[in-house]
């Protein structure tokens, strides 16, 4: 006989009133928010390219737009989960930071000054967010 079902993730109790997340969590959430906004902007740029007839492949462009918007939605949902004290938001954010760090390293090796600057920015953002995500205050806030 199965035991009682766990409540859905969004319906659980919120952190007690008056408790505020620490500065590390706020910094992580700002970084995740910036990344989500960047994904929406990149998706918009691909849509503009597609509508303007400058896209070489409609299918690829549609996929990229949907991928960027899905990633933005994942980041926003993960940020909300972190704010609510849910640990389920940590893994997607950490995974994205690792992937973003890999992208940053590949940009560093491209040789173009603009790409190298972008790679440095991605690495700094990814490392700072990942380190902030692993601080004691964030881990305690998201202990469920």
Protein backbone atom coordinates (compact mmCIF):
# COMPACT_ATOMS: atom_id res chain seq x y z
CA UNK A 1 0.00 0.00 0.00
CA UNK A 2 1.57 3.31 -1.04
CA UNK A 3 2.32 5.94 1.56
CA UNK A 4 0.87 9.44 1.51
CA UNK A 5 1.74 11.46 -1.55
CA UNK A 6 4.11 14.38 -1.17
CA UNK A 7 2.58 17.81 -1.82
CA UNK A 8 3.34 19.38 -5.19
CA UNK A 9 6.53 21.47 -5.07
CA UNK A 10 4.83 24.88 -5.41
CA UNK A 11 2.22 24.28 -2.70
CA UNK A 12 4.63 23.65 0.16
CA UNK A 13 5.13 26.16 2.93
CA UNK A 14 6.98 29.35 2.20
CA UNK A 15 9.86 30.48 4.39
CA UNK A 16 8.61 32.08 7.60
CA UNK A 17 7.50 35.72 7.25
CA UNK A 18 10.19 38.20 8.12
CA UNK A 19 13.04 35.93 7.05
CA UNK A 20 14.93 37.33 4.12
CA UNK A 21 17.26 35.42 1.86
CA UNK A 22 20.92 36.30 2.28
CA UNK A 23 22.95 38.47 -0.03
CA UNK A 24 24.47 35.45 -1.78
CA UNK A 25 21.03 34.20 -2.82
CA UNK A 26 20.01 37.64 -4.03
CA UNK A 27 23.22 37.82 -6.11
CA UNK A 28 22.53 34.36 -7.55
CA UNK A 29 18.97 35.35 -8.41
CA UNK A 30 20.10 38.58 -10.09
CA UNK A 31 22.60 36.62 -12.19
CA UNK A 32 20.01 33.99 -13.11
CA UNK A 33 17.55 36.75 -13.99
CA UNK A 34 20.13 38.42 -16.25
CA UNK A 35 20.79 35.11 -17.96
CA UNK A 36 17.05 34.55 -18.52
CA UNK A 37 16.67 38.05 -19.97
CA UNK A 38 19.67 37.42 -22.24
CA UNK A 39 18.03 34.22 -23.53
CA UNK A 40 14.84 36.12 -24.37
CA UNK A 41 16.86 38.84 -26.15
CA UNK A 42 18.78 36.22 -28.14
CA UNK A 43 15.51 34.51 -29.09
CA UNK A 44 14.15 37.87 -30.23
CA UNK A 45 17.24 38.47 -32.36
CA UNK A 46 16.76 35.12 -34.08
CA UNK A 47 13.08 35.93 -34.70
CA UNK A 48 14.07 39.27 -36.27
CA UNK A 49 16.59 37.46 -38.46
CA UNK A 50 13.96 34.88 -39.44
CA UNK A 51 11.26 37.44 -40.25
CA UNK A 52 13.74 39.57 -42.19
CA UNK A 53 14.56 36.62 -44.45
CA UNK A 54 18.20 36.47 -43.36
CA UNK A 55 17.94 33.00 -41.84
CA UNK A 56 19.55 30.16 -43.74
CA UNK A 57 17.25 27.56 -42.23
CA UNK A 58 13.77 28.18 -40.89
CA UNK A 59 13.68 24.93 -38.95
CA UNK A 60 16.94 25.61 -37.14
CA UNK A 61 15.87 29.17 -36.34
CA UNK A 62 12.55 28.00 -34.89
CA UNK A 63 14.37 25.38 -32.82
CA UNK A 64 16.85 27.95 -31.49
CA UNK A 65 14.03 30.35 -30.54
CA UNK A 66 12.12 27.61 -28.72
CA UNK A 67 15.29 26.39 -27.03
CA UNK A 68 16.23 29.87 -25.79
CA UNK A 69 12.71 30.56 -24.55
CA UNK A 70 12.56 27.16 -22.84
CA UNK A 71 15.91 27.80 -21.19
CA UNK A 72 14.72 31.22 -20.02
CA UNK A 73 11.58 29.62 -18.55
CA UNK A 74 13.70 26.98 -16.81
CA UNK A 75 15.95 29.64 -15.30
CA UNK A 76 12.99 31.73 -14.12
CA UNK A 77 11.31 28.67 -12.60
CA UNK A 78 14.53 27.62 -10.91
CA UNK A 79 15.04 31.13 -9.55
CA UNK A 80 11.51 31.13 -8.12
CA UNK A 81 12.17 27.77 -6.50
CA UNK A 82 15.38 29.07 -4.93
CA UNK A 83 13.59 32.17 -3.64
CA UNK A 84 10.92 29.94 -2.06
CA UNK A 85 13.60 27.85 -0.37
CA UNK A 86 13.25 24.78 -2.60
CA UNK A 87 16.37 22.79 -3.32
CA UNK A 88 15.02 21.62 -6.67
CA UNK A 89 16.07 24.95 -8.16
CA UNK A 90 19.75 24.37 -7.45
CA UNK A 91 20.47 21.62 -9.98
CA UNK A 92 19.21 23.37 -13.13
CA UNK A 93 20.99 26.58 -12.16
CA UNK A 94 24.24 24.73 -11.38
CA UNK A 95 24.01 22.71 -14.59
CA UNK A 96 23.49 25.84 -16.67
CA UNK A 97 26.47 27.56 -15.00
CA UNK A 98 28.71 24.60 -15.88
CA UNK A 99 27.49 24.64 -19.48
CA UNK A 100 27.94 28.42 -19.63
CA UNK A 101 31.50 28.03 -18.31
CA UNK A 102 32.25 25.55 -21.10
CA UNK A 103 30.90 28.07 -23.63
CA UNK A 104 33.09 30.75 -22.05
CA UNK A 105 36.22 28.60 -22.40
CA UNK A 106 35.43 27.89 -26.05
CA UNK A 107 35.03 31.63 -26.68
CA UNK A 108 38.40 32.30 -25.02
CA UNK A 109 40.10 30.08 -27.58
CA UNK A 110 38.47 31.71 -30.61
CA UNK A 111 41.04 34.49 -30.96
CA UNK A 112 38.65 37.37 -31.68
CA UNK A 113 38.97 40.13 -29.06
CA UNK A 114 35.19 40.48 -28.77
CA UNK A 115 34.77 36.71 -28.33
CA UNK A 116 37.55 36.60 -25.73
CA UNK A 117 35.87 39.42 -23.79
CA UNK A 118 32.55 37.57 -24.03
CA UNK A 119 34.22 34.38 -22.84
CA UNK A 120 35.70 36.16 -19.84
CA UNK A 121 32.30 37.65 -19.01
CA UNK A 122 30.61 34.25 -19.27
CA UNK A 123 33.26 32.60 -17.10
CA UNK A 124 33.07 35.28 -14.42
CA UNK A 125 29.27 35.19 -14.35
CA UNK A 126 29.15 31.38 -14.29
CA UNK A 127 31.82 31.03 -11.62
CA UNK A 128 30.32 33.74 -9.42
CA UNK A 129 26.83 32.29 -9.69
CA UNK A 130 28.01 28.73 -9.05
CA UNK A 131 30.08 29.79 -6.05
CA UNK A 132 27.19 31.85 -4.69
CA UNK A 133 24.88 28.89 -5.14
CA UNK A 134 27.18 26.74 -2.99
CA UNK A 135 27.52 29.14 -0.06
CA UNK A 136 26.29 28.02 3.32
CA UNK A 137 23.53 30.64 3.49
CA UNK A 138 22.04 29.56 0.14
CA UNK A 139 22.31 25.88 1.01
CA UNK A 140 20.60 26.47 4.35
CA UNK A 141 17.87 28.58 2.73
CA UNK A 142 17.17 25.86 0.17
CA UNK A 143 17.37 22.88 2.51
CA UNK A 144 13.62 22.09 2.10
